[in-house]
Amino acid sequence: MTLDKIQTSIVLFCMTAYAIHLAGDVWRYRNYKYNLLQFTALAVVFLVLAWSSGFPFPRISFGSTSSEATLAAMFVSIVLGMISNYIFFNDTFSFRQCVKPILVSPILLMPLYSLVEGSSKFESIKVASLCLISYQNGFFWKIFFEKIEDAIRDEG
């Protein structure tokens, strides 16, 4: 996938405007933790775009990634999402509480595995998209298990 000049200009303008907006929020409200998370997310999006399409100087992609490498990247993304959730919602660090969600991460990977199963190669933009979805699943892992618990309670 490559972005044309207009798309690249729009995305670059929006990302820059958002970064300026976040800097203004930091200066105005002094909410460092929340804005640091947003700055980090913005940087991750920028890096994923740069990796997948050469953003802001697009290149044509000729390579692809194996399904094993894609699954590994998705797993790492889920774990990073879980760690981000822990950092965002906790003021103190507990190794035991941080490791616990990582141990259930393969359960979150199972539904996403069906997207990878049966394919041998993936273009880099597809891998980036799957990694972002995996990160999101990792960040919201508690909600996933709360929904399952509610469903079990409703049946019983």
N, C-alpha and C. Protein backbone atom coordinates (compact mmCIF):
# COMPACT_ATOMS: atom_id res chain seq x y z
N MET A 1 0.84 -1.18 0.00
CA MET A 1 0.00 0.00 0.00
C MET A 1 0.88 1.23 0.00
N THR A 2 0.55 2.17 -0.83
CA THR A 2 1.25 3.44 -0.82
C THR A 2 0.21 4.55 -0.71
N LEU A 3 0.60 5.60 -0.08
CA LEU A 3 -0.26 6.77 0.04
C LEU A 3 0.14 7.77 -1.04
N ASP A 4 -0.86 8.36 -1.71
CA ASP A 4 -0.50 9.38 -2.69
C ASP A 4 -0.19 10.69 -1.97
N LYS A 5 0.20 11.71 -2.71
CA LYS A 5 0.65 12.98 -2.10
C LYS A 5 -0.45 13.65 -1.30
N ILE A 6 -1.67 13.64 -1.79
CA ILE A 6 -2.78 14.30 -1.07
C ILE A 6 -3.06 13.57 0.24
N GLN A 7 -3.16 12.23 0.18
CA GLN A 7 -3.41 11.46 1.40
C GLN A 7 -2.28 11.66 2.42
N THR A 8 -1.05 11.62 1.94
CA THR A 8 0.09 11.82 2.82
C THR A 8 0.05 13.19 3.47
N SER A 9 -0.28 14.22 2.69
CA SER A 9 -0.36 15.59 3.24
C SER A 9 -1.45 15.70 4.29
N ILE A 10 -2.60 15.09 4.02
CA ILE A 10 -3.71 15.15 4.98
C ILE A 10 -3.34 14.43 6.27
N VAL A 11 -2.79 13.22 6.15
CA VAL A 11 -2.41 12.46 7.35
C VAL A 11 -1.33 13.19 8.13
N LEU A 12 -0.33 13.71 7.44
CA LEU A 12 0.75 14.43 8.11
C LEU A 12 0.23 15.69 8.80
N PHE A 13 -0.67 16.43 8.14
CA PHE A 13 -1.26 17.63 8.75
C PHE A 13 -2.05 17.26 10.01
N CYS A 14 -2.89 16.22 9.91
CA CYS A 14 -3.71 15.82 11.06
C CYS A 14 -2.85 15.33 12.22
N MET A 15 -1.81 14.57 11.92
CA MET A 15 -0.93 14.08 13.00
C MET A 15 -0.19 15.24 13.66
N THR A 16 0.27 16.19 12.87
CA THR A 16 0.97 17.36 13.42
C THR A 16 0.01 18.21 14.25
N ALA A 17 -1.19 18.44 13.73
CA ALA A 17 -2.18 19.24 14.47
C ALA A 17 -2.55 18.56 15.78
N TYR A 18 -2.68 17.22 15.76
CA TYR A 18 -3.00 16.49 16.97
C TYR A 18 -1.87 16.58 17.99
N ALA A 19 -0.63 16.48 17.52
CA ALA A 19 0.52 16.61 18.43
C ALA A 19 0.56 18.00 19.06
N ILE A 20 0.27 19.04 18.28
CA ILE A 20 0.23 20.40 18.82
C ILE A 20 -0.90 20.54 19.83
N HIS A 21 -2.04 19.94 19.52
CA HIS A 21 -3.18 19.96 20.45
C HIS A 21 -2.82 19.27 21.77
N LEU A 22 -2.16 18.12 21.68
CA LEU A 22 -1.75 17.42 22.90
C LEU A 22 -0.75 18.24 23.70
N ALA A 23 0.19 18.89 23.01
CA ALA A 23 1.15 19.74 23.72
C ALA A 23 0.43 20.87 24.44
N GLY A 24 -0.59 21.43 23.81
CA GLY A 24 -1.38 22.47 24.46
C GLY A 24 -2.12 21.95 25.68
N ASP A 25 -2.64 20.73 25.58
CA ASP A 25 -3.31 20.13 26.74
C ASP A 25 -2.35 19.89 27.89
N VAL A 26 -1.14 19.44 27.57
CA VAL A 26 -0.13 19.24 28.62
C VAL A 26 0.16 20.57 29.31
N TRP A 27 0.34 21.60 28.54
CA TRP A 27 0.66 22.91 29.10
C TRP A 27 -0.52 23.46 29.90
N ARG A 28 -1.74 23.25 29.40
CA ARG A 28 -2.92 23.84 30.03
C ARG A 28 -3.41 23.07 31.24
N TYR A 29 -3.51 21.73 31.14
CA TYR A 29 -4.13 20.93 32.19
C TYR A 29 -3.15 20.15 33.05
N ARG A 30 -1.92 20.04 32.63
CA ARG A 30 -0.87 19.33 33.38
C ARG A 30 -1.22 17.87 33.64
N ASN A 31 -1.97 17.25 32.71
CA ASN A 31 -2.32 15.85 32.82
C ASN A 31 -1.31 15.03 32.03
N TYR A 32 -0.16 14.78 32.64
CA TYR A 32 0.96 14.18 31.95
C TYR A 32 0.72 12.72 31.58
N LYS A 33 0.15 11.94 32.48
CA LYS A 33 -0.02 10.51 32.25
C LYS A 33 -0.91 10.24 31.04
N TYR A 34 -2.06 10.88 30.99
CA TYR A 34 -3.01 10.68 29.90
C TYR A 34 -2.42 11.15 28.58
N ASN A 35 -1.80 12.32 28.58
CA ASN A 35 -1.23 12.85 27.34
C ASN A 35 0.00 12.08 26.89
N LEU A 36 0.78 11.56 27.82
CA LEU A 36 1.93 10.73 27.44
C LEU A 36 1.46 9.48 26.71
N LEU A 37 0.37 8.89 27.18
CA LEU A 37 -0.18 7.72 26.50
C LEU A 37 -0.63 8.09 25.08
N GLN A 38 -1.26 9.25 24.92
CA GLN A 38 -1.70 9.68 23.60
C GLN A 38 -0.51 10.00 22.69
N PHE A 39 0.52 10.65 23.23
CA PHE A 39 1.74 10.91 22.45
C PHE A 39 2.37 9.58 22.00
N THR A 40 2.38 8.61 22.91
CA THR A 40 2.95 7.31 22.58
C THR A 40 2.14 6.63 21.47
N ALA A 41 0.82 6.68 21.58
CA ALA A 41 -0.04 6.10 20.54
C ALA A 41 0.19 6.79 19.20
N LEU A 42 0.32 8.10 19.22
CA LEU A 42 0.57 8.86 17.99
C LEU A 42 1.92 8.46 17.38
N ALA A 43 2.92 8.30 18.23
CA ALA A 43 4.24 7.89 17.75
C ALA A 43 4.19 6.48 17.17
N VAL A 44 3.43 5.58 17.81
CA VAL A 44 3.31 4.21 17.31
C VAL A 44 2.63 4.21 15.94
N VAL A 45 1.56 5.00 15.79
CA VAL A 45 0.88 5.10 14.50
C VAL A 45 1.84 5.63 13.44
N PHE A 46 2.60 6.66 13.79
CA PHE A 46 3.57 7.21 12.84
C PHE A 46 4.60 6.16 12.43
N LEU A 47 5.13 5.44 13.42
CA LEU A 47 6.14 4.42 13.13
C LEU A 47 5.58 3.27 12.30
N VAL A 48 4.34 2.86 12.58
CA VAL A 48 3.71 1.80 11.79
C VAL A 48 3.52 2.26 10.35
N LEU A 49 3.06 3.50 10.17
CA LEU A 49 2.92 4.03 8.82
C LEU A 49 4.27 4.12 8.12
N ALA A 50 5.29 4.57 8.85
CA ALA A 50 6.62 4.68 8.26
C ALA A 50 7.15 3.30 7.87
N TRP A 51 6.92 2.31 8.72
CA TRP A 51 7.39 0.96 8.45
C TRP A 51 6.63 0.31 7.30
N SER A 52 5.32 0.52 7.26
CA SER A 52 4.51 -0.19 6.27
C SER A 52 4.47 0.49 4.90
N SER A 53 4.58 1.83 4.88
CA SER A 53 4.44 2.51 3.59
C SER A 53 5.53 3.53 3.30
N GLY A 54 6.49 3.67 4.21
CA GLY A 54 7.55 4.66 4.00
C GLY A 54 7.10 6.07 4.32
N PHE A 55 6.01 6.23 5.03
CA PHE A 55 5.46 7.53 5.38
C PHE A 55 6.52 8.40 6.05
N PRO A 56 6.64 9.65 5.76
CA PRO A 56 5.88 10.49 4.84
C PRO A 56 6.44 10.49 3.42
N PHE A 57 7.40 9.64 3.12
CA PHE A 57 7.94 9.51 1.76
C PHE A 57 7.61 8.10 1.29
N PRO A 58 6.41 7.92 0.70
CA PRO A 58 5.95 6.56 0.38
C PRO A 58 6.88 5.81 -0.57
N ARG A 59 6.89 4.51 -0.38
CA ARG A 59 7.65 3.62 -1.27
C ARG A 59 6.72 2.48 -1.67
N ILE A 60 7.06 1.82 -2.72
CA ILE A 60 6.27 0.68 -3.17
C ILE A 60 6.82 -0.56 -2.48
N SER A 61 5.92 -1.31 -1.87
CA SER A 61 6.32 -2.50 -1.13
C SER A 61 6.40 -3.70 -2.06
N PHE A 62 7.50 -4.44 -1.99
CA PHE A 62 7.66 -5.63 -2.81
C PHE A 62 7.71 -6.90 -1.96
N GLY A 63 7.86 -6.76 -0.67
CA GLY A 63 8.04 -7.93 0.18
C GLY A 63 6.77 -8.34 0.89
N SER A 64 6.86 -9.48 1.56
CA SER A 64 5.75 -9.94 2.37
C SER A 64 6.31 -10.68 3.57
N THR A 65 5.44 -10.93 4.54
CA THR A 65 5.85 -11.54 5.80
C THR A 65 5.17 -12.89 5.95
N SER A 66 5.84 -13.86 6.55
CA SER A 66 5.26 -15.18 6.76
C SER A 66 4.20 -15.14 7.84
N SER A 67 3.36 -16.17 7.87
CA SER A 67 2.29 -16.22 8.88
C SER A 67 2.87 -16.39 10.28
N GLU A 68 3.99 -17.10 10.42
CA GLU A 68 4.61 -17.27 11.74
C GLU A 68 5.11 -15.94 12.28
N ALA A 69 5.75 -15.16 11.43
CA ALA A 69 6.23 -13.84 11.85
C ALA A 69 5.05 -12.93 12.16
N THR A 70 3.97 -13.05 11.40
CA THR A 70 2.77 -12.24 11.66
C THR A 70 2.17 -12.60 13.01
N LEU A 71 2.06 -13.90 13.30
CA LEU A 71 1.53 -14.32 14.60
C LEU A 71 2.42 -13.83 15.75
N ALA A 72 3.72 -13.90 15.57
CA ALA A 72 4.64 -13.41 16.61
C ALA A 72 4.45 -11.92 16.83
N ALA A 73 4.32 -11.16 15.74
CA ALA A 73 4.11 -9.72 15.87
C ALA A 73 2.77 -9.42 16.54
N MET A 74 1.74 -10.21 16.22
CA MET A 74 0.44 -10.02 16.86
C MET A 74 0.51 -10.32 18.36
N PHE A 75 1.23 -11.38 18.72
CA PHE A 75 1.38 -11.73 20.13
C PHE A 75 2.10 -10.61 20.90
N VAL A 76 3.18 -10.11 20.33
CA VAL A 76 3.92 -9.01 20.96
C VAL A 76 3.01 -7.78 21.09
N SER A 77 2.18 -7.52 20.10
CA SER A 77 1.27 -6.38 20.15
C SER A 77 0.23 -6.54 21.26
N ILE A 78 -0.29 -7.75 21.43
CA ILE A 78 -1.24 -8.00 22.51
C ILE A 78 -0.58 -7.75 23.86
N VAL A 79 0.62 -8.27 24.03
CA VAL A 79 1.34 -8.09 25.31
C VAL A 79 1.62 -6.60 25.56
N LEU A 80 2.03 -5.87 24.53
CA LEU A 80 2.26 -4.43 24.69
C LEU A 80 0.97 -3.69 25.05
N GLY A 81 -0.14 -4.11 24.47
CA GLY A 81 -1.44 -3.52 24.82
C GLY A 81 -1.80 -3.77 26.27
N MET A 82 -1.54 -4.97 26.76
CA MET A 82 -1.82 -5.30 28.16
C MET A 82 -0.92 -4.50 29.10
N ILE A 83 0.33 -4.38 28.75
CA ILE A 83 1.25 -3.60 29.57
C ILE A 83 0.83 -2.13 29.57
N SER A 84 0.41 -1.62 28.43
CA SER A 84 -0.06 -0.22 28.35
C SER A 84 -1.29 -0.01 29.23
N ASN A 85 -2.20 -0.98 29.21
CA ASN A 85 -3.39 -0.90 30.06
C ASN A 85 -2.98 -0.86 31.53
N TYR A 86 -2.04 -1.72 31.91
CA TYR A 86 -1.59 -1.77 33.30
C TYR A 86 -0.97 -0.43 33.71
N ILE A 87 -0.12 0.11 32.87
CA ILE A 87 0.54 1.39 33.18
C ILE A 87 -0.47 2.52 33.26
N PHE A 88 -1.46 2.50 32.36
CA PHE A 88 -2.43 3.58 32.30
C PHE A 88 -3.37 3.59 33.52
N PHE A 89 -3.78 2.41 33.99
CA PHE A 89 -4.79 2.34 35.04
C PHE A 89 -4.23 2.09 36.44
N ASN A 90 -2.93 1.95 36.61
CA ASN A 90 -2.36 1.68 37.93
C ASN A 90 -1.29 2.71 38.26
N ASP A 91 -1.31 3.18 39.50
CA ASP A 91 -0.32 4.14 39.96
C ASP A 91 0.93 3.47 40.54
N THR A 92 0.75 2.27 41.08
CA THR A 92 1.88 1.55 41.66
C THR A 92 2.16 0.31 40.82
N PHE A 93 3.40 -0.15 40.86
CA PHE A 93 3.79 -1.31 40.05
C PHE A 93 3.84 -2.56 40.90
N SER A 94 3.20 -3.61 40.42
CA SER A 94 3.27 -4.92 41.03
C SER A 94 3.59 -5.92 39.92
N PHE A 95 4.74 -6.56 40.02
CA PHE A 95 5.16 -7.50 38.98
C PHE A 95 4.11 -8.60 38.79
N ARG A 96 3.58 -9.09 39.89
CA ARG A 96 2.60 -10.18 39.83
C ARG A 96 1.34 -9.74 39.08
N GLN A 97 0.86 -8.53 39.36
CA GLN A 97 -0.33 -8.03 38.68
C GLN A 97 -0.07 -7.70 37.22
N CYS A 98 1.15 -7.38 36.89
CA CYS A 98 1.51 -7.06 35.51
C CYS A 98 1.67 -8.33 34.67
N VAL A 99 2.17 -9.39 35.27
CA VAL A 99 2.40 -10.64 34.55
C VAL A 99 1.10 -11.41 34.33
N LYS A 100 0.17 -11.30 35.25
CA LYS A 100 -1.07 -12.07 35.17
C LYS A 100 -1.79 -11.91 33.83
N PRO A 101 -2.00 -10.71 33.32
CA PRO A 101 -2.68 -10.61 32.02
C PRO A 101 -1.88 -11.19 30.87
N ILE A 102 -0.56 -11.14 30.97
CA ILE A 102 0.27 -11.67 29.89
C ILE A 102 0.07 -13.19 29.77
N LEU A 103 -0.22 -13.84 30.89
CA LEU A 103 -0.42 -15.28 30.87
C LEU A 103 -1.70 -15.68 30.15
N VAL A 104 -2.66 -14.77 30.06
CA VAL A 104 -3.91 -15.07 29.34
C VAL A 104 -3.89 -14.54 27.91
N SER A 105 -2.80 -13.94 27.50
CA SER A 105 -2.74 -13.34 26.17
C SER A 105 -2.97 -14.34 25.03
N PRO A 106 -2.55 -15.61 25.14
CA PRO A 106 -2.87 -16.53 24.04
C PRO A 106 -4.37 -16.70 23.82
N ILE A 107 -5.16 -16.53 24.86
CA ILE A 107 -6.62 -16.63 24.71
C ILE A 107 -7.13 -15.50 23.82
N LEU A 108 -6.54 -14.32 23.95
CA LEU A 108 -6.94 -13.20 23.10
C LEU A 108 -6.43 -13.37 21.67
N LEU A 109 -5.38 -14.13 21.51
CA LEU A 109 -4.80 -14.33 20.19
C LEU A 109 -5.61 -15.32 19.36
N MET A 110 -6.33 -16.23 20.03
CA MET A 110 -7.07 -17.27 19.31
C MET A 110 -8.07 -16.73 18.28
N PRO A 111 -8.93 -15.76 18.63
CA PRO A 111 -9.86 -15.25 17.61
C PRO A 111 -9.14 -14.57 16.44
N LEU A 112 -8.02 -13.94 16.73
CA LEU A 112 -7.28 -13.28 15.66
C LEU A 112 -6.51 -14.27 14.79
N TYR A 113 -6.22 -15.44 15.35
CA TYR A 113 -5.50 -16.46 14.60
C TYR A 113 -6.26 -16.88 13.35
N SER A 114 -7.59 -16.85 13.42
CA SER A 114 -8.38 -17.26 12.26
C SER A 114 -8.16 -16.34 11.07
N LEU A 115 -7.74 -15.10 11.32
CA LEU A 115 -7.44 -14.18 10.23
C LEU A 115 -6.14 -14.54 9.53
N VAL A 116 -5.25 -15.22 10.23
CA VAL A 116 -3.93 -15.56 9.70
C VAL A 116 -3.90 -16.98 9.16
N GLU A 117 -4.72 -17.84 9.73
CA GLU A 117 -4.72 -19.25 9.38
C GLU A 117 -4.99 -19.46 7.89
N GLY A 118 -4.20 -20.30 7.27
CA GLY A 118 -4.39 -20.64 5.87
C GLY A 118 -3.66 -19.72 4.90
N SER A 119 -3.13 -18.62 5.36
CA SER A 119 -2.38 -17.72 4.49
C SER A 119 -0.89 -17.93 4.73
N SER A 120 -0.14 -17.88 3.66
CA SER A 120 1.30 -18.11 3.83
C SER A 120 2.10 -16.81 3.86
N LYS A 121 1.62 -15.76 3.21
CA LYS A 121 2.36 -14.50 3.16
C LYS A 121 1.41 -13.33 3.38
N PHE A 122 1.93 -12.27 4.02
CA PHE A 122 1.16 -11.06 4.29
C PHE A 122 1.95 -9.84 3.88
N GLU A 123 1.30 -8.90 3.25
CA GLU A 123 1.93 -7.62 2.95
C GLU A 123 2.10 -6.85 4.25
N SER A 124 3.06 -5.95 4.28
CA SER A 124 3.40 -5.25 5.53
C SER A 124 2.25 -4.40 6.06
N ILE A 125 1.41 -3.81 5.21
CA ILE A 125 0.30 -3.01 5.71
C ILE A 125 -0.74 -3.89 6.39
N LYS A 126 -0.92 -5.12 5.91
CA LYS A 126 -1.85 -6.04 6.56
C LYS A 126 -1.32 -6.47 7.92
N VAL A 127 -0.02 -6.71 7.98
CA VAL A 127 0.61 -7.06 9.26
C VAL A 127 0.46 -5.91 10.24
N ALA A 128 0.67 -4.69 9.78
CA ALA A 128 0.53 -3.52 10.65
C ALA A 128 -0.91 -3.40 11.16
N SER A 129 -1.88 -3.62 10.29
CA SER A 129 -3.29 -3.56 10.70
C SER A 129 -3.61 -4.64 11.73
N LEU A 130 -3.14 -5.86 11.49
CA LEU A 130 -3.37 -6.93 12.45
C LEU A 130 -2.70 -6.63 13.79
N CYS A 131 -1.53 -6.03 13.76
CA CYS A 131 -0.83 -5.67 15.00
C CYS A 131 -1.59 -4.59 15.77
N LEU A 132 -2.14 -3.62 15.06
CA LEU A 132 -2.92 -2.59 15.74
C LEU A 132 -4.18 -3.16 16.37
N ILE A 133 -4.85 -4.08 15.67
CA ILE A 133 -6.03 -4.74 16.24
C ILE A 133 -5.62 -5.58 17.45
N SER A 134 -4.49 -6.24 17.36
CA SER A 134 -3.99 -7.05 18.48
C SER A 134 -3.66 -6.16 19.69
N TYR A 135 -3.03 -5.02 19.44
CA TYR A 135 -2.73 -4.08 20.52
C TYR A 135 -4.02 -3.63 21.20
N GLN A 136 -5.02 -3.31 20.40
CA GLN A 136 -6.31 -2.89 20.95
C GLN A 136 -6.94 -4.00 21.80
N ASN A 137 -6.90 -5.23 21.31
CA ASN A 137 -7.43 -6.35 22.10
C ASN A 137 -6.67 -6.51 23.41
N GLY A 138 -5.36 -6.33 23.36
CA GLY A 138 -4.57 -6.42 24.58
C GLY A 138 -4.90 -5.30 25.55
N PHE A 139 -5.11 -4.10 25.04
CA PHE A 139 -5.41 -2.97 25.93
C PHE A 139 -6.76 -3.16 26.62
N PHE A 140 -7.73 -3.72 25.91
CA PHE A 140 -9.07 -3.88 26.47
C PHE A 140 -9.33 -5.32 26.93
N TRP A 141 -8.30 -6.03 27.36
CA TRP A 141 -8.43 -7.43 27.72
C TRP A 141 -9.40 -7.65 28.87
N LYS A 142 -9.47 -6.76 29.83
CA LYS A 142 -10.37 -6.94 30.98
C LYS A 142 -11.82 -6.93 30.53
N ILE A 143 -12.16 -6.05 29.61
CA ILE A 143 -13.54 -5.97 29.11
C ILE A 143 -13.92 -7.28 28.43
N PHE A 144 -12.98 -7.86 27.68
CA PHE A 144 -13.22 -9.13 27.00
C PHE A 144 -13.63 -10.21 28.02
N PHE A 145 -12.88 -10.32 29.11
CA PHE A 145 -13.17 -11.34 30.10
C PHE A 145 -14.40 -11.00 30.95
N GLU A 146 -14.66 -9.72 31.17
CA GLU A 146 -15.88 -9.33 31.88
C GLU A 146 -17.12 -9.71 31.08
N LYS A 147 -17.08 -9.54 29.75
CA LYS A 147 -18.20 -9.93 28.89
C LYS A 147 -18.44 -11.44 28.96
N ILE A 148 -17.37 -12.22 28.95
CA ILE A 148 -17.50 -13.67 29.05
C ILE A 148 -18.10 -14.05 30.40
N GLU A 149 -17.63 -13.41 31.47
CA GLU A 149 -18.15 -13.68 32.80
C GLU A 149 -19.63 -13.33 32.89
N ASP A 150 -20.03 -12.21 32.31
CA ASP A 150 -21.44 -11.82 32.30
C ASP A 150 -22.30 -12.83 31.54
N ALA A 151 -21.79 -13.33 30.41
CA ALA A 151 -22.52 -14.31 29.62
C ALA A 151 -22.70 -15.61 30.39
N ILE A 152 -21.67 -16.02 31.09
CA ILE A 152 -21.75 -17.25 31.90
C ILE A 152 -22.74 -17.06 33.02
N ARG A 153 -22.72 -15.90 33.67
CA ARG A 153 -23.64 -15.61 34.76
C ARG A 153 -25.10 -15.59 34.27
N ASP A 154 -25.32 -15.06 33.07
CA ASP A 154 -26.67 -14.99 32.52
C ASP A 154 -27.21 -16.37 32.16
N GLU A 155 -26.34 -17.28 31.73
CA GLU A 155 -26.76 -18.63 31.39
C GLU A 155 -27.08 -19.46 32.64
N GLY A 156 -26.33 -19.19 33.71
CA GLY A 156 -26.45 -20.01 34.91
C GLY A 156 -27.45 -19.54 35.85
